[in-house]
Amino acid sequence: MVGLIDLVQTLTAPHPLDRYLELVRPTFTLRDMRAQITDVCRSVPGSVTFVLRPTRQWRGHLAGQFVRLGVLIDGVKHTRCYSPVNSQARGDRRIELTVKAHPNGLVSQYLYHHAAPGMVVDLAPAAGVFHLPDPRPERVVLISGGSGITPVLSMLRTLADENHVGEVLFLHYARSPQVVPYRAELETLTQRHAGLRIELRYTQQATRQRTASDTAAPRTCAATAPSRFGYDELERVAPWFAQAQTYVCGPPSLMSAVRTVYEAEQLDDRLHTEEFTVTAAPTDPTDARGEVTFFGSGVTAENTGATLLEQAESAGLTPTYGCRMGICLSCTVIRRSGCTRNIRTGELDSDPDRPIQLCINAPVGDVDVAI
C-alpha cells in the first residue's frame, strides 16, 4: 500500500496527493493529519474552547503534551502549539482545546473570533516531554497560572479518570474567578475524589472567598484572596510536597518562584516545567554586529540583535515556525557558519553545520543559515 501511495504521489507531482483529495473533502487525507471542529464554547471571557475530531492518523496524547494546530489566515498558513485539556483516557478520540486570545496573538485571536463547527484545521501528532509518567507517582503537585492551566488540567482530569488513589494538589493562579475555565468541574472533582485538593488564587480579588466550605479539608475547592507563591504557601496546602512529583506551567514570575523553592529544598529532580513564554537571558549590545546571510534565499541583512526568526521575517522571508518559544522545533534549520546565542540560556554555539531553532537563537557577529 505504501508503495502504491508513493507511485500516485509521483504521478500527481508537483503537488502531493493530499492537495487533490482536500478539494473533495478537507478531512479526506492519506498522510497529512487534519481535524474538524465539532463544538465551540465561549463561556470564559477572552477564551474559546472547542472540540476537534481528528482524522484517522491521530494516535492520542499523553496528559501534559501539546499539539501543533495550523490555520489559514488571509491565505497564509500559521501554526501554533496548544495543550489538550482533555484526559488522555478520553475514549471518543476527540481533542479538547482551550485557547486564550492574547492581545497580539494572530492565531489565538483568529480562533477566538472565528472558530466554528465545521472548520477544518491542520494537526500534528502530540509531542513534548512535559507529561505524567507511567506508572503514576503516588503524590502529585500541579501548579499553574493563567493560560498555563491547560496541560496541568489534562493531567488532573487523567488522574481523576484513572481513580488515582494517592494525594493530588492542584494550585492555580488567575486574575478572577470569571477567567478560570472549568471552574464548576473543578468543584465537582473535589466531591468525587477524596485525595484531591484544589486551591484557586485570584490576584485581583481583595476579599477571601470559599466556593465549598470554610474548612481546609483535602476535599475542599478553596478560593482565597491574593497570595504570592512561596514555601509557606506550599507547605500549608501540601505538606507532603517533598515526596511528590511537581508539574508547573504558567507566567515567568510564577515559574521563577516555584524554582526558587525547589532549588532551596534541593528538589530540582522532582520539578517538571513547561513554559509558553520565552524568558531571555541578559544580552550584550555589542553582539549586534556583522551580517546575517540567509543562504538558501540569497538574502543578506545587517544583524540587528533580534532572533534569527525575527530577522528573517524583517528581511521579507517566511520561514516555517510554530510556537516561537523553542518548544515545537518547527523552525529548526542548519546554521552553516558563525556563532549564535540561545536567548533563553545565554549559551553560545559556533559549531558549523549544526541544527538550531530560529526562534530562540540570535546571531553573534556574522552568521550564515540555510534558509
Protein backbone atom coordinates (compact mmCIF):
# COMPACT_ATOMS: atom_id res chain seq x y z
CA MET A 1 0.00 0.00 0.00
CA VAL A 2 2.83 2.41 0.87
CA GLY A 3 4.47 1.71 -2.48
CA LEU A 4 1.21 2.38 -4.31
CA ILE A 5 0.74 5.69 -2.49
CA ASP A 6 4.32 6.70 -3.36
CA LEU A 7 3.62 5.90 -7.03
CA VAL A 8 0.46 8.01 -7.04
CA GLN A 9 2.37 10.83 -5.32
CA THR A 10 4.85 10.75 -8.20
CA LEU A 11 2.09 10.87 -10.79
CA THR A 12 0.40 13.84 -9.11
CA ALA A 13 3.61 15.90 -8.86
CA PRO A 14 4.37 18.73 -8.25
CA HIS A 15 1.62 18.70 -5.59
CA PRO A 16 1.18 15.91 -3.01
CA LEU A 17 -1.86 13.67 -3.37
CA ASP A 18 -3.47 15.18 -0.27
CA ARG A 19 -3.67 18.54 -2.06
CA TYR A 20 -6.08 16.99 -4.55
CA LEU A 21 -8.02 14.94 -2.02
CA GLU A 22 -8.73 18.01 0.13
CA LEU A 23 -10.60 19.51 -2.84
CA VAL A 24 -13.11 16.68 -2.45
CA ARG A 25 -13.25 16.81 1.33
CA PRO A 26 -10.80 18.72 3.58
CA THR A 27 -10.50 15.86 6.09
CA PHE A 28 -10.03 13.16 3.42
CA THR A 29 -6.24 12.69 3.55
CA LEU A 30 -3.80 9.81 3.27
CA ARG A 31 -0.76 11.24 5.04
CA ASP A 32 -1.49 14.73 6.33
CA MET A 33 -3.40 14.82 9.62
CA ARG A 34 -6.27 17.25 9.97
CA ALA A 35 -9.14 17.83 12.36
CA GLN A 36 -12.63 19.28 12.16
CA ILE A 37 -14.11 21.49 14.86
CA THR A 38 -17.33 19.93 16.17
CA ASP A 39 -18.22 22.07 19.21
CA VAL A 40 -17.35 25.61 20.31
CA CYS A 41 -17.88 27.37 23.64
CA ARG A 42 -17.01 30.94 24.66
CA SER A 43 -18.28 30.91 28.23
CA VAL A 44 -15.00 32.20 29.72
CA PRO A 45 -14.21 35.85 28.85
CA GLY A 46 -11.27 36.15 26.47
CA SER A 47 -11.03 32.40 25.76
CA VAL A 48 -12.54 29.91 23.37
CA THR A 49 -12.93 26.19 23.97
CA PHE A 50 -13.51 23.85 21.06
CA VAL A 51 -13.56 20.12 20.37
CA LEU A 52 -11.70 18.60 17.42
CA ARG A 53 -12.49 15.40 15.56
CA PRO A 54 -9.12 14.36 14.08
CA THR A 55 -8.57 12.17 11.04
CA ARG A 56 -7.61 8.53 11.39
CA GLN A 57 -3.88 9.32 11.82
CA TRP A 58 -4.43 10.63 15.37
CA ARG A 59 -2.81 8.38 18.00
CA GLY A 60 -3.77 10.26 21.13
CA HIS A 61 -1.70 12.27 23.60
CA LEU A 62 -0.08 11.94 26.99
CA ALA A 63 -1.51 14.26 29.63
CA GLY A 64 0.54 17.47 29.50
CA GLN A 65 1.76 17.22 25.89
CA PHE A 66 0.98 19.76 23.16
CA VAL A 67 -0.22 19.60 19.56
CA ARG A 68 0.59 21.91 16.66
CA LEU A 69 -2.50 23.48 15.15
CA GLY A 70 -2.39 25.05 11.70
CA VAL A 71 -4.94 27.57 10.42
CA LEU A 72 -5.19 29.51 7.16
CA ILE A 73 -5.43 33.28 7.73
CA ASP A 74 -5.69 35.56 4.68
CA GLY A 75 -4.25 32.83 2.50
CA VAL A 76 -1.22 32.19 4.76
CA LYS A 77 -0.92 29.11 6.96
CA HIS A 78 0.07 29.81 10.57
CA THR A 79 0.94 27.17 13.15
CA ARG A 80 0.81 27.40 16.94
CA CYS A 81 1.18 24.98 19.85
CA TYR A 82 -1.69 24.25 22.23
CA SER A 83 -2.06 21.69 25.00
CA PRO A 84 -5.17 19.47 25.02
CA VAL A 85 -7.17 19.93 28.21
CA ASN A 86 -8.99 16.62 27.99
CA SER A 87 -7.94 13.48 29.80
CA GLN A 88 -5.67 11.18 27.85
CA ALA A 89 -8.14 8.43 28.74
CA ARG A 90 -10.93 10.08 26.72
CA GLY A 91 -12.43 7.27 24.68
CA ASP A 92 -14.01 9.07 21.71
CA ARG A 93 -10.74 10.18 20.01
CA ARG A 94 -11.75 13.83 20.37
CA ILE A 95 -9.35 16.61 21.33
CA GLU A 96 -10.46 19.49 23.55
CA LEU A 97 -8.54 22.75 23.40
CA THR A 98 -8.96 25.99 25.33
CA VAL A 99 -7.25 28.95 23.68
CA LYS A 100 -6.80 32.32 25.38
CA ALA A 101 -6.99 35.26 22.97
CA HIS A 102 -3.71 37.07 23.63
CA PRO A 103 -3.71 40.77 22.62
CA ASN A 104 -1.04 40.31 19.94
CA GLY A 105 -1.74 36.65 19.20
CA LEU A 106 -2.60 36.34 15.50
CA VAL A 107 -3.78 32.72 15.67
CA SER A 108 -5.37 32.88 19.12
CA GLN A 109 -7.34 36.00 18.15
CA TYR A 110 -8.42 34.35 14.91
CA LEU A 111 -9.63 31.22 16.70
CA TYR A 112 -11.38 33.26 19.39
CA HIS A 113 -13.37 35.21 16.82
CA HIS A 114 -13.80 32.66 14.02
CA ALA A 115 -13.66 29.10 15.40
CA ALA A 116 -16.94 27.41 14.47
CA PRO A 117 -18.30 23.90 13.96
CA GLY A 118 -17.24 22.56 10.58
CA MET A 119 -13.93 24.47 10.43
CA VAL A 120 -11.02 22.25 9.38
CA VAL A 121 -7.51 22.81 10.76
CA ASP A 122 -4.14 21.16 10.26
CA LEU A 123 -2.95 18.99 13.13
CA ALA A 124 0.40 17.46 14.08
CA PRO A 125 0.90 14.48 16.42
CA ALA A 126 1.16 15.19 20.14
CA ALA A 127 4.69 15.94 21.31
CA GLY A 128 6.64 17.18 24.31
CA VAL A 129 8.34 15.70 27.37
CA PHE A 130 6.10 17.50 29.85
CA HIS A 131 3.66 14.74 30.73
CA LEU A 132 2.66 12.36 33.50
CA PRO A 133 4.97 9.38 33.92
CA ASP A 134 3.82 5.79 33.88
CA PRO A 135 3.39 4.40 36.48
CA ARG A 136 1.80 7.43 38.15
CA PRO A 137 3.50 8.97 41.19
CA GLU A 138 1.73 8.32 44.48
CA ARG A 139 1.74 12.07 45.24
CA VAL A 140 1.38 14.80 42.63
CA VAL A 141 1.52 18.61 42.85
CA LEU A 142 0.07 20.54 39.89
CA ILE A 143 0.72 24.30 39.77
CA SER A 144 -0.45 26.65 37.03
CA GLY A 145 -1.13 30.28 36.29
CA GLY A 146 -3.30 31.90 33.62
CA SER A 147 -3.38 30.00 30.33
CA GLY A 148 -0.79 27.59 31.75
CA ILE A 149 -3.76 25.71 33.21
CA THR A 150 -4.30 23.65 30.05
CA PRO A 151 -1.55 20.99 30.31
CA VAL A 152 -1.92 20.51 34.07
CA LEU A 153 -5.71 20.32 33.76
CA SER A 154 -5.21 17.44 31.33
CA MET A 155 -3.08 15.78 34.00
CA LEU A 156 -5.72 16.42 36.67
CA ARG A 157 -8.52 15.01 34.53
CA THR A 158 -6.43 11.97 33.65
CA LEU A 159 -5.66 11.20 37.29
CA ALA A 160 -9.36 11.62 38.13
CA ASP A 161 -10.45 9.31 35.29
CA GLU A 162 -7.96 6.70 36.48
CA ASN A 163 -9.28 6.97 40.05
CA HIS A 164 -5.82 7.83 41.32
CA VAL A 165 -5.64 6.74 44.95
CA GLY A 166 -2.77 8.99 46.05
CA GLU A 167 -2.73 12.65 47.09
CA VAL A 168 -3.05 15.37 44.45
CA LEU A 169 -2.84 19.13 44.89
CA PHE A 170 -3.99 21.44 42.10
CA LEU A 171 -2.94 25.06 42.75
CA HIS A 172 -3.99 27.62 40.14
CA TYR A 173 -3.45 31.39 39.97
CA ALA A 174 -5.81 33.62 37.95
CA ARG A 175 -6.91 37.25 37.85
CA SER A 176 -10.50 36.49 38.89
CA PRO A 177 -12.96 33.59 39.19
CA GLN A 178 -14.57 34.52 35.87
CA VAL A 179 -11.45 33.68 33.83
CA VAL A 180 -10.88 30.21 35.32
CA PRO A 181 -12.04 27.62 32.77
CA TYR A 182 -13.89 24.54 34.04
CA ARG A 183 -14.33 26.07 37.49
CA ALA A 184 -17.60 24.23 38.11
CA GLU A 185 -15.98 20.95 37.09
CA LEU A 186 -13.10 21.54 39.48
CA GLU A 187 -15.54 21.87 42.36
CA THR A 188 -17.26 18.64 41.31
CA LEU A 189 -13.98 16.73 41.17
CA THR A 190 -13.27 17.51 44.82
CA GLN A 191 -16.59 15.92 45.75
CA ARG A 192 -15.75 12.68 43.94
CA HIS A 193 -12.10 12.15 44.83
CA ALA A 194 -11.05 12.10 48.48
CA GLY A 195 -7.32 12.60 47.84
CA LEU A 196 -7.76 15.64 45.60
CA ARG A 197 -7.33 19.20 46.86
CA ILE A 198 -7.94 22.19 44.61
CA GLU A 199 -6.78 25.67 45.59
CA LEU A 200 -7.56 28.75 43.48
CA ARG A 201 -5.79 32.07 43.94
CA TYR A 202 -7.19 35.30 42.49
CA THR A 203 -4.65 38.08 42.04
CA GLN A 204 -7.25 40.83 41.56
CA GLN A 205 -9.50 39.87 44.42
CA ALA A 206 -9.13 41.56 47.78
CA THR A 207 -11.54 39.55 49.88
CA ARG A 208 -11.44 35.96 50.95
CA GLN A 209 -13.92 33.63 49.27
CA ARG A 210 -14.80 30.00 49.59
CA THR A 211 -16.53 28.01 46.89
CA ALA A 212 -17.08 24.95 49.06
CA SER A 213 -16.65 25.49 52.80
CA ASP A 214 -14.52 27.38 55.29
CA THR A 215 -12.62 24.27 56.29
CA ALA A 216 -9.24 23.33 54.91
CA ALA A 217 -10.06 19.65 54.49
CA PRO A 218 -8.42 17.93 51.49
CA ARG A 219 -11.77 17.64 49.70
CA THR A 220 -12.48 21.38 49.54
CA CYS A 221 -12.11 23.56 46.49
CA ALA A 222 -10.80 26.70 48.17
CA ALA A 223 -10.57 30.12 46.55
CA THR A 224 -8.71 32.71 48.58
CA ALA A 225 -7.57 36.29 48.40
CA PRO A 226 -4.28 37.17 46.65
CA SER A 227 -1.20 35.43 47.92
CA ARG A 228 2.23 35.02 46.42
CA PHE A 229 3.63 31.58 45.88
CA GLY A 230 6.31 30.61 48.36
CA TYR A 231 7.48 27.88 50.69
CA ASP A 232 4.95 28.71 53.42
CA GLU A 233 2.09 28.60 50.92
CA LEU A 234 3.18 25.24 49.52
CA GLU A 235 3.79 23.78 52.97
CA ARG A 236 0.31 24.82 54.05
CA VAL A 237 -1.61 23.27 51.15
CA ALA A 238 0.66 20.25 50.51
CA PRO A 239 2.92 19.50 53.48
CA TRP A 240 3.97 16.31 51.69
CA PHE A 241 5.27 18.13 48.57
CA ALA A 242 8.87 16.96 49.12
CA GLN A 243 7.74 13.39 48.40
CA ALA A 244 5.69 14.38 45.35
CA GLN A 245 6.39 14.92 41.67
CA THR A 246 5.56 18.52 40.79
CA TYR A 247 4.38 19.85 37.42
CA VAL A 248 4.16 23.59 36.80
CA CYS A 249 3.17 25.77 33.85
CA GLY A 250 2.48 29.49 33.96
CA PRO A 251 3.88 33.00 33.61
CA PRO A 252 7.61 33.64 34.23
CA SER A 253 7.07 35.13 37.71
CA LEU A 254 5.27 32.01 38.94
CA MET A 255 7.77 29.68 37.30
CA SER A 256 10.64 31.55 38.94
CA ALA A 257 9.01 31.47 42.37
CA VAL A 258 8.43 27.71 42.16
CA ARG A 259 12.00 27.06 41.01
CA THR A 260 13.35 29.14 43.88
CA VAL A 261 11.54 26.98 46.44
CA TYR A 262 12.51 23.68 44.87
CA GLU A 263 16.15 24.66 44.39
CA ALA A 264 16.38 25.79 48.02
CA GLU A 265 14.91 22.47 49.14
CA GLN A 266 17.19 20.54 46.72
CA LEU A 267 14.16 19.06 45.00
CA ASP A 268 15.12 20.00 41.43
CA ASP A 269 14.77 16.41 40.25
CA ARG A 270 11.13 16.38 41.34
CA LEU A 271 10.19 19.55 39.46
CA HIS A 272 8.92 19.40 35.86
CA THR A 273 8.15 22.60 33.95
CA GLU A 274 6.57 23.76 30.70
CA GLU A 275 6.91 27.35 29.51
CA PHE A 276 4.78 29.11 26.92
CA THR A 277 6.73 32.35 27.07
CA VAL A 278 10.39 32.98 26.36
CA THR A 279 12.44 34.36 29.24
CA ALA A 280 15.52 35.87 27.65
CA ALA A 281 18.93 35.75 29.29
CA PRO A 282 20.85 39.04 29.68
CA THR A 283 22.44 40.19 26.42
CA ASP A 284 25.48 42.17 25.40
CA PRO A 285 24.58 45.02 22.99
CA THR A 286 27.91 44.57 21.23
CA ASP A 287 26.70 41.19 19.97
CA ALA A 288 24.54 43.03 17.40
CA ARG A 289 27.20 43.40 14.74
CA GLY A 290 28.06 41.86 11.40
CA GLU A 291 25.66 40.42 8.83
CA VAL A 292 23.19 37.57 8.63
CA THR A 293 23.22 35.56 5.42
CA PHE A 294 20.17 33.52 4.54
CA PHE A 295 21.95 31.16 2.19
CA GLY A 296 19.00 29.41 0.57
CA SER A 297 17.24 32.68 -0.23
CA GLY A 298 20.26 34.69 -1.37
CA VAL A 299 19.44 37.43 1.15
CA THR A 300 21.92 39.25 3.40
CA ALA A 301 20.89 41.68 6.11
CA GLU A 302 22.58 43.67 8.86
CA ASN A 303 22.49 41.94 12.24
CA THR A 304 20.04 43.78 14.49
CA GLY A 305 20.49 41.56 17.54
CA ALA A 306 16.97 40.10 17.30
CA THR A 307 16.33 36.39 16.95
CA LEU A 308 17.08 34.80 13.59
CA LEU A 309 13.37 34.21 13.06
CA GLU A 310 12.56 37.89 13.60
CA GLN A 311 15.46 38.98 11.39
CA ALA A 312 14.40 36.58 8.63
CA GLU A 313 10.86 37.97 8.73
CA SER A 314 12.17 41.55 8.68
CA ALA A 315 14.15 40.63 5.56
CA GLY A 316 10.93 39.56 3.86
CA LEU A 317 11.38 35.81 4.30
CA THR A 318 8.70 33.41 5.59
CA PRO A 319 10.47 30.55 7.38
CA THR A 320 8.38 27.79 8.93
CA TYR A 321 7.69 28.22 12.65
CA GLY A 322 5.19 27.14 15.26
CA CYS A 323 5.35 28.20 18.90
CA ARG A 324 8.05 30.90 18.64
CA MET A 325 9.21 29.77 22.10
CA GLY A 326 11.62 26.91 21.42
CA ILE A 327 9.12 24.15 22.19
CA CYS A 328 7.87 22.66 18.93
CA LEU A 329 11.12 22.56 16.87
CA SER A 330 9.24 23.64 13.73
CA CYS A 331 11.75 26.39 12.92
CA THR A 332 14.86 24.19 13.13
CA VAL A 333 17.37 24.91 10.35
CA ILE A 334 21.09 24.39 9.75
CA ARG A 335 23.49 27.10 10.85
CA ARG A 336 26.22 26.80 8.23
CA SER A 337 28.72 29.05 9.96
CA GLY A 338 29.07 31.73 12.60
CA CYS A 339 28.12 31.98 16.26
CA THR A 340 24.64 32.18 17.79
CA ARG A 341 23.38 32.79 21.31
CA ASN A 342 20.47 30.90 22.84
CA ILE A 343 18.30 33.74 24.18
CA ARG A 344 16.86 31.55 26.95
CA THR A 345 20.11 30.27 28.39
CA GLY A 346 22.69 32.75 27.10
CA GLU A 347 24.77 29.82 25.78
CA LEU A 348 26.99 30.49 22.75
CA ASP A 349 27.48 27.92 19.98
CA SER A 350 29.70 28.19 16.90
CA ASP A 351 29.94 24.59 15.63
CA PRO A 352 29.44 24.65 11.84
CA ASP A 353 26.60 22.82 10.08
CA ARG A 354 24.60 22.47 13.27
CA PRO A 355 20.77 22.45 13.56
CA ILE A 356 19.40 25.39 15.55
CA GLN A 357 15.98 26.85 16.32
CA LEU A 358 15.45 30.21 14.69
CA CYS A 359 13.01 31.48 17.32
CA ILE A 360 15.38 31.22 20.30
CA ASN A 361 18.75 31.91 18.69
CA ALA A 362 20.24 35.32 17.92
CA PRO A 363 23.35 35.86 15.79
CA VAL A 364 26.61 36.99 17.36
CA GLY A 365 28.55 38.65 14.55
CA ASP A 366 28.40 37.18 11.04
CA VAL A 367 26.11 34.14 10.72
CA ASP A 368 25.07 32.05 7.72
CA VAL A 369 21.88 29.98 7.99
CA ALA A 370 20.41 27.64 5.39
CA ILE A 371 17.03 29.28 4.69
